[in-house]
Protein backbone atom coordinates (compact mmCIF):
# COMPACT_ATOMS: atom_id res chain seq x y z
CA MET A 1 28.97 39.72 -10.49
CA ASN A 2 29.43 40.66 -14.21
CA PRO A 3 26.73 41.08 -16.39
CA ILE A 4 25.98 38.66 -18.96
CA ILE A 5 23.81 38.07 -21.89
CA ILE A 6 23.04 34.25 -22.80
CA THR A 7 21.30 32.70 -26.15
CA ILE A 8 20.47 29.01 -26.21
CA SER A 9 19.64 28.02 -29.99
CA ARG A 10 18.80 24.52 -29.87
CA GLU A 11 17.82 21.35 -32.53
CA TYR A 12 13.80 20.86 -31.80
CA GLY A 13 13.80 18.19 -28.97
CA SER A 14 17.12 18.49 -28.06
CA GLY A 15 16.17 20.33 -24.38
CA GLY A 16 17.34 23.89 -25.16
CA ARG A 17 14.30 25.21 -23.56
CA GLU A 18 14.44 23.09 -20.07
CA ILE A 19 18.04 24.39 -19.87
CA ALA A 20 17.39 27.37 -20.09
CA GLN A 21 15.10 27.75 -17.39
CA ARG A 22 17.27 25.39 -15.25
CA LEU A 23 19.79 27.49 -15.63
CA SER A 24 17.85 30.76 -14.97
CA GLU A 25 17.13 29.41 -11.43
CA LEU A 26 21.13 28.30 -11.19
CA LEU A 27 22.11 31.85 -11.80
CA GLU A 28 18.87 33.71 -10.92
CA ILE A 29 18.96 35.81 -14.15
CA PRO A 30 15.46 36.05 -16.24
CA VAL A 31 14.79 33.51 -18.88
CA PHE A 32 12.90 34.79 -22.23
CA ASP A 33 11.27 31.88 -24.29
CA ARG A 34 7.47 32.23 -24.55
CA LYS A 35 7.10 35.49 -22.74
CA LEU A 36 8.72 36.80 -26.28
CA ILE A 37 5.39 35.78 -28.12
CA ASP A 38 2.92 37.28 -25.56
CA LEU A 39 5.19 40.97 -25.97
CA THR A 40 5.80 40.50 -29.55
CA ALA A 41 1.38 39.92 -29.91
CA ASP A 42 0.56 42.60 -27.87
CA LYS A 43 3.23 44.79 -30.09
CA CYS A 44 1.82 43.72 -33.29
CA GLY A 45 -1.32 43.40 -32.24
CA TYR A 46 -1.60 39.99 -33.75
CA SER A 47 -2.94 36.78 -31.62
CA THR A 48 -0.29 34.43 -29.68
CA LYS A 49 -1.27 31.89 -32.17
CA PHE A 50 -0.68 34.01 -34.86
CA ILE A 51 2.95 34.64 -33.43
CA GLN A 52 3.55 31.06 -32.69
CA GLU A 53 2.64 30.02 -36.35
CA ASN A 54 4.77 32.75 -37.91
CA GLU A 55 7.82 33.54 -36.25
CA GLU A 56 10.10 31.22 -37.25
CA ARG A 57 8.53 31.30 -40.90
CA MET A 58 10.25 32.32 -44.22
CA THR A 59 8.73 34.49 -46.86
CA ASN A 60 10.01 35.42 -50.24
CA SER A 61 9.25 38.99 -49.28
CA PHE A 62 13.16 39.42 -49.05
CA LEU A 63 13.23 38.81 -53.33
CA PHE A 64 10.14 40.88 -53.18
CA ASN A 65 11.41 43.55 -51.67
CA ILE A 66 14.91 43.75 -54.38
CA ALA A 67 12.54 43.20 -56.99
CA VAL A 68 10.00 46.21 -56.09
CA THR A 69 12.48 48.66 -54.09
CA GLY A 70 16.22 47.91 -55.45
CA ASN A 71 16.89 47.60 -51.49
CA TYR A 72 18.61 44.73 -50.64
CA SER A 73 17.86 44.18 -46.74
CA PRO A 74 15.23 42.07 -46.02
CA PHE A 75 13.84 44.89 -42.82
CA TYR A 76 13.40 47.26 -45.66
CA HIS A 77 9.55 48.14 -45.38
CA SER A 78 7.60 51.28 -46.46
CA GLY A 79 6.09 51.74 -42.97
CA ASP A 80 6.22 48.61 -40.35
CA THR A 81 2.74 48.19 -40.89
CA GLY A 82 3.33 48.02 -44.36
CA ALA A 83 5.19 44.55 -43.89
CA ILE A 84 4.75 41.45 -44.93
CA PRO A 85 3.27 39.82 -41.89
CA GLN A 86 6.57 37.34 -40.94
CA ASP A 87 8.97 40.38 -41.30
CA TYR A 88 7.05 42.22 -38.84
CA VAL A 89 7.31 39.45 -36.55
CA PHE A 90 10.75 39.14 -37.04
CA LEU A 91 11.39 42.99 -37.11
CA THR A 92 9.40 43.76 -34.09
CA GLN A 93 10.91 40.71 -31.99
CA SER A 94 14.24 41.75 -32.36
CA ARG A 95 13.38 45.08 -31.12
CA ILE A 96 11.78 43.44 -27.75
CA ILE A 97 14.72 41.47 -27.68
CA ASN A 98 17.58 44.51 -28.13
CA THR A 99 15.13 46.30 -25.45
CA LEU A 100 15.10 43.42 -22.70
CA ALA A 101 18.76 43.23 -23.09
CA GLU A 102 19.53 46.87 -22.26
CA GLN A 103 16.66 46.33 -19.24
CA HIS A 104 18.77 43.59 -17.62
CA SER A 105 22.25 43.65 -17.30
CA SER A 106 21.79 39.84 -17.20
CA ALA A 107 19.39 37.77 -19.04
CA ILE A 108 18.80 34.05 -21.12
CA PHE A 109 17.29 34.48 -24.50
CA VAL A 110 15.79 31.26 -26.16
CA GLY A 111 16.04 30.56 -30.08
CA ARG A 112 14.54 33.46 -32.37
CA CYS A 113 18.00 34.63 -33.71
CA ALA A 114 18.63 35.95 -30.80
CA ASP A 115 22.61 35.32 -31.06
CA TYR A 116 22.62 37.33 -34.11
CA ILE A 117 20.49 40.36 -32.62
CA LEU A 118 22.40 40.70 -29.73
CA ARG A 119 25.97 39.78 -31.89
CA ASP A 120 27.30 43.54 -30.73
CA GLN A 121 26.50 42.82 -26.63
CA PRO A 122 30.06 42.66 -25.39
CA ASN A 123 28.81 40.28 -22.73
CA LEU A 124 27.06 37.71 -25.19
CA PHE A 125 27.46 33.96 -24.53
CA SER A 126 26.06 31.86 -27.40
CA VAL A 127 25.02 28.42 -27.04
CA PHE A 128 23.88 26.01 -29.60
CA ILE A 129 21.80 22.57 -27.74
CA THR A 130 22.22 19.81 -30.33
CA ALA A 131 21.27 15.72 -29.74
CA ASP A 132 21.16 12.72 -32.02
CA LEU A 133 18.08 12.36 -33.98
CA ASP A 134 16.74 9.49 -32.09
CA SER A 135 17.15 11.20 -28.38
CA ARG A 136 15.41 13.93 -29.83
CA VAL A 137 12.56 12.33 -31.51
CA LYS A 138 12.19 10.04 -27.87
CA ARG A 139 12.48 13.55 -26.13
CA ALA A 140 9.59 14.92 -28.33
CA VAL A 141 7.42 11.89 -27.72
CA GLU A 142 7.71 11.69 -24.23
CA GLU A 143 8.15 15.19 -23.38
CA TYR A 144 5.94 17.14 -26.27
CA GLN A 145 3.42 14.55 -26.64
CA VAL A 146 4.50 14.45 -30.13
CA PRO A 147 2.64 11.62 -31.89
CA ALA A 148 4.94 8.48 -32.17
CA GLU A 149 4.60 7.53 -35.61
CA LYS A 150 4.85 11.26 -36.73
CA ALA A 151 7.74 12.08 -34.55
CA VAL A 152 10.59 11.54 -36.75
CA ALA A 153 8.56 13.82 -39.29
CA ILE A 154 8.00 16.66 -37.21
CA VAL A 155 11.11 16.94 -35.66
CA THR A 156 12.79 17.32 -39.39
CA ARG A 157 10.17 19.55 -40.39
CA LYS A 158 10.82 21.84 -37.06
CA ASP A 159 14.68 21.62 -37.87
CA LYS A 160 14.23 22.31 -41.44
CA ALA A 161 12.07 25.36 -40.16
CA ARG A 162 14.30 26.95 -37.95
CA ARG A 163 17.15 26.40 -39.92
CA ARG A 164 15.62 28.23 -43.01
CA HIS A 165 14.31 31.19 -41.06
CA TYR A 166 17.56 31.61 -38.91
CA ASN A 167 19.54 31.69 -42.52
CA TYR A 168 17.04 33.88 -44.02
CA TYR A 169 16.89 36.56 -41.25
CA THR A 170 21.01 36.22 -40.50
CA GLY A 171 22.62 35.25 -43.43
CA MET A 172 24.88 32.70 -41.15
CA ASP A 173 24.26 29.00 -41.04
CA TRP A 174 22.34 27.83 -38.10
CA GLY A 175 23.81 25.57 -36.18
CA ILE A 176 27.57 25.76 -37.67
CA CYS A 177 29.73 24.88 -34.66
CA SER A 178 32.13 27.96 -35.22
CA ASN A 179 29.20 30.16 -34.97
CA TYR A 180 28.62 29.64 -31.02
CA HIS A 181 30.99 30.04 -28.15
CA MET A 182 29.64 26.81 -26.98
CA VAL A 183 28.10 23.57 -28.59
CA LEU A 184 26.75 20.90 -26.34
CA ASN A 185 25.26 17.72 -27.13
CA THR A 186 22.76 16.54 -24.50
CA GLY A 187 22.25 13.27 -26.41
CA LYS A 188 25.43 12.38 -25.24
CA LEU A 189 25.42 14.49 -22.11
CA GLY A 190 22.11 14.40 -20.32
CA ILE A 191 20.11 17.51 -19.36
CA ALA A 192 21.32 17.99 -15.94
CA SER A 193 24.91 17.45 -16.91
CA ALA A 194 25.01 19.72 -19.76
CA THR A 195 23.09 22.49 -17.82
CA GLY A 196 26.27 22.15 -15.14
CA ILE A 197 29.02 22.44 -17.33
CA LEU A 198 27.19 25.09 -18.91
CA ALA A 199 26.31 26.81 -15.48
CA ASP A 200 30.46 26.37 -14.24
CA VAL A 201 31.57 28.20 -17.48
CA LEU A 202 29.16 31.07 -17.02
CA SER A 203 30.25 31.31 -13.65
CA ASP A 204 33.79 31.24 -14.23
CA ARG A 205 33.20 34.46 -16.65
CA ARG A 206 30.83 36.15 -14.23
């Protein structure tokens, strides 16, 4: 089998995490999702709760770096420990993702700008999972135990945070079809069918 690195970006409530888990079982390759939180927390010295709260947040540190250092890179810091927390988390997590991709000939990475971080991998296959708002709200309530009366606001807020985080750190537009090898709509296809389609495509590539 040829090695393949799969990245799955997803709208909140679209089922991207479940697809990643199912795909991992079908293709018998590891999936890195929440484990990245533990690895990043251990490396940064922060609690897992802090990582969860800050890994998809954007700060104004990029503008701060320009004003103070004249450097236009959001990754510029006078030593990692001097980084603003969200930047430090992102930079550390990026290094972990790159290391894991080097250690595993094939693997699945969920979210966390992995499609951008691993963009130079010759065997990369990037996927974006989407769904209509009603489907995502329904899933958020039934699967994630989100309060029904707050579900629309939470789903919308989560997507906005992901979009700002992704756009800020990559300079690309989150969710734009042309940025990915494949886009799947679970609102139309369902989780099982979307997973099957993706598995078939990836099996052919391997």
